[in-house]
Amino acid sequence: MSQQRNSNLYSIIVPTYNERLNIALIVYLVFKHIPDINFEIIIVDDGSPDGTQDIVKQLQKVYGDDRILLRPRPKKLGLGTAYIHGLKHASGNFVIIMDADLSHHPKYLPQFIKKQMETGASIVTGTRYVTGGGVHGWTLMRKLTSRGANVLAHTLLWPGVSDLTGSFRLYKKSVLEDIISSCVSKGYVFQMEMIVRASRKGYHIEEVPITFVDRVYGSSKLGGSEIVEYLKGLVYLLVTT
């Protein structure tokens, strides 16, 4: 896919917290897999004490501070607000959101971009729950919990997509700005509210099968409190959408 055929600019927003061991590799892989695409990577770091920002500054020397934008915040302020913060600094007409922990492999980026160009979709979202998708590195209990949460949300909300809680997505910037302004959830529930509200607003959503890989380095930030928040968020969306 060449820039002559694709003149879009893609702003890739990557929230980070203690991702010193992952951030250089994720950046390298983005450059490797979409070398002919015009993009910028916006890293929103929430005051990581492990030196993540120092690594990002080194990456800026390698790739240029016009391609790697460090837009830090003083402390952990939540995933939803990290996207809002990154969006304020996005120059692209498309925005991609992905995790920094290598659970979202940049090898799928060409498929996201191709799908959007072919269909004109407002949103392209990665899904673990169709043929060709899946998870790797999860325990059976975590797989069952994730699948159960997804089935429960589908039964109650009828969102029109197969994977509600995935956070690997491509948006038209104008669509993301519209949806994000009406979302009130924080953290883990934020992704679910985003896609449900997009569906309710009638935006064209397409899916790309992905394999979600459990984080390579570091510890997972998903715990019991996030599961409770998910259930509370489900009830909120059932009432308000």
Protein backbone atom coordinates (compact mmCIF):
# COMPACT_ATOMS: atom_id res chain seq x y z
CA MET A 1 0.00 0.00 0.00
CA SER A 2 1.70 3.20 -1.10
CA GLN A 3 1.28 6.79 -0.02
CA GLN A 4 0.22 7.67 -3.56
CA ARG A 5 -2.88 5.54 -3.05
CA ASN A 6 -3.30 6.52 0.59
CA SER A 7 -2.75 10.18 1.44
CA ASN A 8 -4.29 9.88 4.92
CA LEU A 9 -2.42 10.67 8.12
CA TYR A 10 -2.89 8.16 10.94
CA SER A 11 -2.39 9.26 14.55
CA ILE A 12 -1.60 6.21 16.69
CA ILE A 13 -2.38 6.88 20.35
CA VAL A 14 -0.56 4.61 22.79
CA PRO A 15 -1.27 5.12 26.52
CA THR A 16 1.56 3.93 28.76
CA TYR A 17 2.24 3.25 32.41
CA ASN A 18 5.45 1.40 33.29
CA GLU A 19 6.05 0.15 29.74
CA ARG A 20 9.82 0.72 29.61
CA LEU A 21 10.41 -2.86 28.48
CA ASN A 22 7.79 -2.77 25.72
CA ILE A 23 7.63 0.70 24.21
CA ALA A 24 10.75 0.52 22.01
CA LEU A 25 9.65 -2.79 20.49
CA ILE A 26 6.09 -1.64 19.79
CA VAL A 27 7.42 1.50 18.06
CA TYR A 28 9.89 -0.54 15.99
CA LEU A 29 7.12 -2.93 14.92
CA VAL A 30 4.81 -0.09 13.87
CA PHE A 31 7.51 1.33 11.62
CA LYS A 32 8.25 -2.16 10.28
CA HIS A 33 4.68 -3.07 9.37
CA ILE A 34 3.44 0.21 7.85
CA PRO A 35 6.59 1.71 6.28
CA ASP A 36 4.73 3.37 3.41
CA ILE A 37 1.95 4.88 5.50
CA ASN A 38 1.98 8.45 6.83
CA PHE A 39 1.63 8.20 10.61
CA GLU A 40 2.57 9.68 13.95
CA ILE A 41 2.75 7.85 17.28
CA ILE A 42 1.39 9.80 20.26
CA ILE A 43 2.57 8.32 23.56
CA VAL A 44 0.48 9.40 26.54
CA ASP A 45 2.47 8.41 29.62
CA ASP A 46 0.89 8.73 33.04
CA GLY A 47 3.98 9.57 35.07
CA SER A 48 5.60 6.12 34.86
CA PRO A 49 8.25 5.73 37.58
CA ASP A 50 10.13 3.05 35.59
CA GLY A 51 11.73 5.39 33.05
CA THR A 52 9.27 4.89 30.19
CA GLN A 53 9.53 8.57 29.24
CA ASP A 54 13.34 8.39 29.07
CA ILE A 55 13.06 5.53 26.56
CA VAL A 56 10.53 7.52 24.50
CA LYS A 57 12.92 10.48 24.39
CA GLN A 58 15.62 8.16 23.04
CA LEU A 59 13.17 6.91 20.42
CA GLN A 60 12.50 10.51 19.38
CA LYS A 61 16.21 10.88 18.62
CA VAL A 62 16.06 7.80 16.39
CA TYR A 63 12.76 8.37 14.57
CA GLY A 64 12.24 12.12 14.99
CA ASP A 65 9.99 14.05 17.36
CA ASP A 66 7.60 14.68 14.47
CA ARG A 67 6.90 10.93 14.27
CA ILE A 68 7.12 10.11 18.00
CA LEU A 69 5.17 12.58 20.14
CA LEU A 70 5.53 12.33 23.92
CA ARG A 71 2.53 13.91 25.61
CA PRO A 72 2.87 12.96 29.31
CA ARG A 73 0.54 13.49 32.24
CA PRO A 74 1.66 13.83 35.88
CA LYS A 75 -0.04 10.67 37.22
CA LYS A 76 -2.42 7.82 36.42
CA LEU A 77 -5.66 9.46 35.30
CA GLY A 78 -7.47 6.64 33.51
CA LEU A 79 -7.57 5.12 30.04
CA GLY A 80 -10.49 7.15 28.69
CA THR A 81 -8.91 10.48 29.56
CA ALA A 82 -5.61 9.27 28.09
CA TYR A 83 -7.33 8.91 24.71
CA ILE A 84 -8.93 12.34 25.08
CA HIS A 85 -5.52 13.81 25.92
CA GLY A 86 -3.90 12.10 22.94
CA LEU A 87 -6.71 13.16 20.63
CA LYS A 88 -6.04 16.82 21.44
CA HIS A 89 -2.56 16.40 19.97
CA ALA A 90 -3.55 14.27 16.96
CA SER A 91 -2.90 15.77 13.53
CA GLY A 92 -4.28 12.83 11.54
CA ASN A 93 -7.67 12.43 9.92
CA PHE A 94 -7.68 8.89 11.30
CA VAL A 95 -6.84 7.77 14.84
CA ILE A 96 -5.67 4.30 15.87
CA ILE A 97 -5.72 3.28 19.51
CA MET A 98 -3.68 0.35 20.73
CA ASP A 99 -2.01 -0.99 23.86
CA ALA A 100 1.70 -0.61 24.51
CA ASP A 101 2.21 -4.07 26.02
CA LEU A 102 2.41 -5.98 22.70
CA SER A 103 -1.00 -7.58 23.24
CA HIS A 104 -2.01 -5.71 20.07
CA HIS A 105 0.51 -6.66 17.39
CA PRO A 106 1.26 -3.93 14.83
CA LYS A 107 1.25 -6.59 12.08
CA TYR A 108 -2.54 -6.10 11.98
CA LEU A 109 -2.32 -2.39 11.16
CA PRO A 110 -2.21 -2.90 7.37
CA GLN A 111 -5.41 -4.98 7.62
CA PHE A 112 -7.17 -2.26 9.64
CA ILE A 113 -6.16 0.41 7.12
CA LYS A 114 -7.06 -1.75 4.12
CA LYS A 115 -10.47 -2.64 5.59
CA GLN A 116 -11.30 1.01 6.19
CA MET A 117 -10.23 2.06 2.70
CA GLU A 118 -12.21 -0.75 1.06
CA THR A 119 -15.42 -0.23 3.04
CA GLY A 120 -15.35 3.46 4.00
CA ALA A 121 -16.03 2.40 7.61
CA SER A 122 -16.08 5.00 10.37
CA ILE A 123 -14.58 2.47 12.78
CA VAL A 124 -12.54 -0.70 12.32
CA THR A 125 -12.20 -2.78 15.47
CA GLY A 126 -10.10 -5.83 16.18
CA THR A 127 -12.01 -8.91 17.32
CA ARG A 128 -10.97 -12.08 19.13
CA TYR A 129 -14.33 -13.74 18.60
CA VAL A 130 -14.60 -14.52 14.87
CA THR A 131 -12.83 -17.06 12.65
CA GLY A 132 -9.17 -16.14 12.52
CA GLY A 133 -9.23 -14.35 15.87
CA GLY A 134 -8.32 -15.61 19.31
CA VAL A 135 -6.24 -15.18 22.44
CA HIS A 136 -2.82 -16.50 23.38
CA GLY A 137 -1.29 -16.84 26.82
CA TRP A 138 -4.49 -16.72 28.85
CA THR A 139 -5.54 -19.27 31.45
CA LEU A 140 -8.74 -21.19 30.83
CA MET A 141 -10.44 -19.23 33.62
CA ARG A 142 -9.53 -15.88 32.07
CA LYS A 143 -10.76 -17.06 28.66
CA LEU A 144 -14.06 -18.16 30.18
CA THR A 145 -14.40 -14.90 32.12
CA SER A 146 -13.74 -12.81 29.00
CA ARG A 147 -16.08 -14.85 26.83
CA GLY A 148 -18.78 -14.79 29.52
CA ALA A 149 -18.50 -11.03 29.91
CA ASN A 150 -18.78 -10.61 26.14
CA VAL A 151 -21.82 -12.89 25.86
CA LEU A 152 -23.52 -11.10 28.76
CA ALA A 153 -22.93 -7.71 27.15
CA HIS A 154 -24.22 -8.98 23.79
CA THR A 155 -27.35 -10.38 25.35
CA LEU A 156 -28.19 -7.14 27.12
CA LEU A 157 -26.92 -4.48 24.71
CA TRP A 158 -27.07 -5.91 21.15
CA PRO A 159 -24.09 -3.79 20.04
CA GLY A 160 -23.68 -5.15 16.51
CA VAL A 161 -20.02 -6.13 16.95
CA SER A 162 -18.53 -9.42 18.12
CA ASP A 163 -15.91 -8.08 20.56
CA LEU A 164 -17.13 -5.32 22.86
CA THR A 165 -14.15 -4.94 25.17
CA GLY A 166 -11.36 -4.97 22.60
CA SER A 167 -9.22 -1.85 22.58
CA PHE A 168 -7.43 -2.16 19.23
CA ARG A 169 -9.36 0.16 16.93
CA LEU A 170 -9.13 2.58 14.03
CA TYR A 171 -11.47 5.59 13.96
CA LYS A 172 -12.18 8.45 11.63
CA LYS A 173 -10.99 11.31 13.81
CA SER A 174 -14.28 13.20 13.52
CA VAL A 175 -16.19 10.10 14.61
CA LEU A 176 -13.92 9.49 17.60
CA GLU A 177 -14.34 13.12 18.67
CA ASP A 178 -18.12 12.76 18.45
CA ILE A 179 -18.30 9.48 20.39
CA ILE A 180 -15.73 10.34 23.03
CA SER A 181 -17.59 13.51 23.96
CA SER A 182 -20.65 11.48 24.98
CA CYS A 183 -18.80 8.80 26.99
CA VAL A 184 -18.62 9.03 30.76
CA SER A 185 -17.12 5.66 31.73
CA LYS A 186 -13.55 5.27 32.96
CA GLY A 187 -10.95 2.56 32.64
CA TYR A 188 -11.91 -0.90 31.45
CA VAL A 189 -15.56 -0.03 30.67
CA PHE A 190 -14.60 2.89 28.45
CA GLN A 191 -13.95 0.73 25.36
CA MET A 192 -17.32 -0.95 25.70
CA GLU A 193 -19.18 2.33 26.02
CA MET A 194 -17.36 3.73 22.98
CA ILE A 195 -18.42 0.92 20.64
CA VAL A 196 -21.99 0.70 22.00
CA ARG A 197 -22.56 4.44 21.56
CA ALA A 198 -21.01 4.30 18.07
CA SER A 199 -23.42 1.52 17.15
CA ARG A 200 -26.40 3.43 18.57
CA LYS A 201 -25.39 6.50 16.56
CA GLY A 202 -25.46 4.39 13.39
CA TYR A 203 -21.78 4.61 12.49
CA HIS A 204 -20.45 2.05 10.01
CA ILE A 205 -18.32 -0.44 11.97
CA GLU A 206 -16.15 -3.17 10.44
CA GLU A 207 -14.13 -5.89 12.17
CA VAL A 208 -10.71 -7.45 11.61
CA PRO A 209 -9.83 -10.77 13.31
CA ILE A 210 -6.85 -10.46 15.64
CA THR A 211 -5.04 -12.71 18.07
CA PHE A 212 -4.73 -11.01 21.44
CA VAL A 213 -1.44 -11.97 23.12
CA ASP A 214 -1.08 -11.60 26.87
CA ARG A 215 1.50 -8.98 27.76
CA VAL A 216 5.11 -9.98 27.10
CA TYR A 217 6.83 -7.91 29.79
CA GLY A 218 5.38 -6.48 32.98
CA SER A 219 2.24 -7.31 34.92
CA SER A 220 -1.39 -7.13 33.86
CA LYS A 221 -3.37 -4.16 35.12
CA LEU A 222 -6.69 -6.04 35.05
CA GLY A 223 -7.94 -7.15 38.45
CA GLY A 224 -11.06 -7.74 40.52
CA SER A 225 -11.90 -4.04 40.73
CA GLU A 226 -11.97 -3.81 36.93
CA ILE A 227 -14.42 -6.73 36.74
CA VAL A 228 -16.72 -4.98 39.24
CA GLU A 229 -16.46 -1.79 37.17
CA TYR A 230 -17.33 -3.78 34.05
CA LEU A 231 -20.54 -5.09 35.61
CA LYS A 232 -21.50 -1.63 36.86
CA GLY A 233 -20.76 -0.19 33.42
CA LEU A 234 -22.92 -2.83 31.78
CA VAL A 235 -25.89 -1.82 33.92
CA TYR A 236 -25.22 1.87 33.17
CA LEU A 237 -25.17 1.28 29.40
CA LEU A 238 -28.29 -0.86 29.60
CA VAL A 239 -30.10 2.05 31.21
CA THR A 240 -28.69 4.90 29.11
CA THR A 241 -28.39 3.55 25.54
